[in-house]
Amino acid sequence: MTDDEREDLIHEIVSRPYRKVISGDDIDGYLAEAPELPGCVTAGETVEEALVMLRDAMEGWIECALVAGDPIPEPEAMRLSA
């Protein structure tokens, strides 16, 4: 798989309907998590920043899984509709 193909695959997987959980507040900042991707957690000063950081974290998580040959969980919404 070329780097471009891997990059395209990562973007395709990230665009799937994974749950994104945001918690926190304006004072302490926001924690963002993709619960279906174990350990995929990040933070930001605003909700918007936390979501941008989460997309980055998800891309990194998925790339690491692909390189290691580990399975990538399907989003819960896709599992329930199948």
C-alpha atoms as a PDB file:
ATOM      1  CA  MET A   1       0.000   0.000   0.000  1.00  0.00           C
ATOM      2  CA  THR A   2       1.419   3.375  -0.975  1.00  0.00           C
ATOM      3  CA  ASP A   3       1.490   6.320   1.431  1.00  0.00           C
ATOM      4  CA  ASP A   4      -1.252   8.033  -0.593  1.00  0.00           C
ATOM      5  CA  GLU A   5      -3.438   4.926  -0.501  1.00  0.00           C
ATOM      6  CA  ARG A   6      -2.929   4.604   3.264  1.00  0.00           C
ATOM      7  CA  GLU A   7      -3.761   8.299   3.720  1.00  0.00           C
ATOM      8  CA  ASP A   8      -6.961   7.885   1.661  1.00  0.00           C
ATOM      9  CA  LEU A   9      -7.942   4.805   3.682  1.00  0.00           C
ATOM     10  CA  ILE A  10      -7.324   6.635   6.967  1.00  0.00           C
ATOM     11  CA  HIS A  11      -9.540   9.536   5.858  1.00  0.00           C
ATOM     12  CA  GLU A  12     -12.256   7.121   4.726  1.00  0.00           C
ATOM     13  CA  ILE A  13     -12.225   5.297   8.065  1.00  0.00           C
ATOM     14  CA  VAL A  14     -12.224   8.532  10.109  1.00  0.00           C
ATOM     15  CA  SER A  15     -15.268   9.740   8.151  1.00  0.00           C
ATOM     16  CA  ARG A  16     -17.304   6.757   9.403  1.00  0.00           C
ATOM     17  CA  PRO A  17     -19.901   7.554  12.095  1.00  0.00           C
ATOM     18  CA  TYR A  18     -17.693   7.044  15.159  1.00  0.00           C
ATOM     19  CA  ARG A  19     -19.116   8.460  18.383  1.00  0.00           C
ATOM     20  CA  LYS A  20     -17.336  11.546  19.651  1.00  0.00           C
ATOM     21  CA  VAL A  21     -17.778  12.382  23.321  1.00  0.00           C
ATOM     22  CA  ILE A  22     -16.910  15.865  24.580  1.00  0.00           C
ATOM     23  CA  SER A  23     -16.861  16.802  28.250  1.00  0.00           C
ATOM     24  CA  GLY A  24     -15.560  19.764  30.201  1.00  0.00           C
ATOM     25  CA  ASP A  25     -16.088  23.495  30.354  1.00  0.00           C
ATOM     26  CA  ASP A  26     -14.642  26.863  29.326  1.00  0.00           C
ATOM     27  CA  ILE A  27     -12.592  27.122  32.526  1.00  0.00           C
ATOM     28  CA  ASP A  28     -10.844  23.750  32.601  1.00  0.00           C
ATOM     29  CA  GLY A  29     -10.989  22.961  28.891  1.00  0.00           C
ATOM     30  CA  TYR A  30     -12.605  20.098  27.013  1.00  0.00           C
ATOM     31  CA  LEU A  31     -11.785  16.409  26.816  1.00  0.00           C
ATOM     32  CA  ALA A  32     -12.624  14.665  23.542  1.00  0.00           C
ATOM     33  CA  GLU A  33     -12.839  10.909  23.155  1.00  0.00           C
ATOM     34  CA  ALA A  34     -13.702   8.361  20.479  1.00  0.00           C
ATOM     35  CA  PRO A  35     -14.920   5.516  22.735  1.00  0.00           C
ATOM     36  CA  GLU A  36     -14.977   2.911  19.959  1.00  0.00           C
ATOM     37  CA  LEU A  37     -11.225   3.444  19.448  1.00  0.00           C
ATOM     38  CA  PRO A  38      -9.782   2.445  22.853  1.00  0.00           C
ATOM     39  CA  GLY A  39      -7.432   5.061  24.270  1.00  0.00           C
ATOM     40  CA  CYS A  40      -8.229   7.645  21.589  1.00  0.00           C
ATOM     41  CA  VAL A  41      -8.496  10.726  23.804  1.00  0.00           C
ATOM     42  CA  THR A  42      -7.348  14.322  23.459  1.00  0.00           C
ATOM     43  CA  ALA A  43      -8.208  17.789  24.741  1.00  0.00           C
ATOM     44  CA  GLY A  44      -8.692  21.379  23.658  1.00  0.00           C
ATOM     45  CA  GLU A  45      -9.431  24.789  25.115  1.00  0.00           C
ATOM     46  CA  THR A  46     -12.734  25.000  23.197  1.00  0.00           C
ATOM     47  CA  VAL A  47     -15.201  22.409  21.917  1.00  0.00           C
ATOM     48  CA  GLU A  48     -14.152  23.244  18.354  1.00  0.00           C
ATOM     49  CA  GLU A  49     -10.463  22.803  19.148  1.00  0.00           C
ATOM     50  CA  ALA A  50     -11.154  19.539  20.981  1.00  0.00           C
ATOM     51  CA  LEU A  51     -13.010  18.199  17.921  1.00  0.00           C
ATOM     52  CA  VAL A  52     -10.146  19.174  15.588  1.00  0.00           C
ATOM     53  CA  MET A  53      -7.665  17.537  17.951  1.00  0.00           C
ATOM     54  CA  LEU A  54      -9.877  14.435  18.153  1.00  0.00           C
ATOM     55  CA  ARG A  55      -9.895  14.049  14.379  1.00  0.00           C
ATOM     56  CA  ASP A  56      -6.081  14.238  14.487  1.00  0.00           C
ATOM     57  CA  ALA A  57      -5.964  11.666  17.296  1.00  0.00           C
ATOM     58  CA  MET A  58      -8.322   9.354  15.399  1.00  0.00           C
ATOM     59  CA  GLU A  59      -6.158   9.571  12.278  1.00  0.00           C
ATOM     60  CA  GLY A  60      -3.080   8.696  14.342  1.00  0.00           C
ATOM     61  CA  TRP A  61      -4.872   5.848  16.117  1.00  0.00           C
ATOM     62  CA  ILE A  62      -6.072   4.362  12.844  1.00  0.00           C
ATOM     63  CA  GLU A  63      -2.685   4.751  11.148  1.00  0.00           C
ATOM     64  CA  CYS A  64      -0.965   2.947  14.037  1.00  0.00           C
ATOM     65  CA  ALA A  65      -3.536   0.131  13.874  1.00  0.00           C
ATOM     66  CA  LEU A  66      -3.066  -0.237  10.107  1.00  0.00           C
ATOM     67  CA  VAL A  67       0.734  -0.319  10.382  1.00  0.00           C
ATOM     68  CA  ALA A  68       0.585  -2.866  13.223  1.00  0.00           C
ATOM     69  CA  GLY A  69      -1.994  -4.973  11.405  1.00  0.00           C
ATOM     70  CA  ASP A  70      -4.443  -4.554  14.303  1.00  0.00           C
ATOM     71  CA  PRO A  71      -8.197  -4.658  13.724  1.00  0.00           C
ATOM     72  CA  ILE A  72     -10.047  -1.349  13.533  1.00  0.00           C
ATOM     73  CA  PRO A  73     -13.432  -1.503  15.272  1.00  0.00           C
ATOM     74  CA  GLU A  74     -16.472  -0.543  13.246  1.00  0.00           C
ATOM     75  CA  PRO A  75     -18.507   2.354  14.608  1.00  0.00           C
ATOM     76  CA  GLU A  76     -21.336   1.178  16.854  1.00  0.00           C
ATOM     77  CA  ALA A  77     -23.900   2.765  14.513  1.00  0.00           C
ATOM     78  CA  MET A  78     -22.647   0.602  11.637  1.00  0.00           C
ATOM     79  CA  ARG A  79     -22.664  -2.562  13.762  1.00  0.00           C
ATOM     80  CA  LEU A  80     -26.238  -1.942  14.921  1.00  0.00           C
ATOM     81  CA  SER A  81     -27.564  -1.300  11.407  1.00  0.00           C
ATOM     82  CA  ALA A  82     -25.995  -4.410   9.903  1.00  0.00           C
END
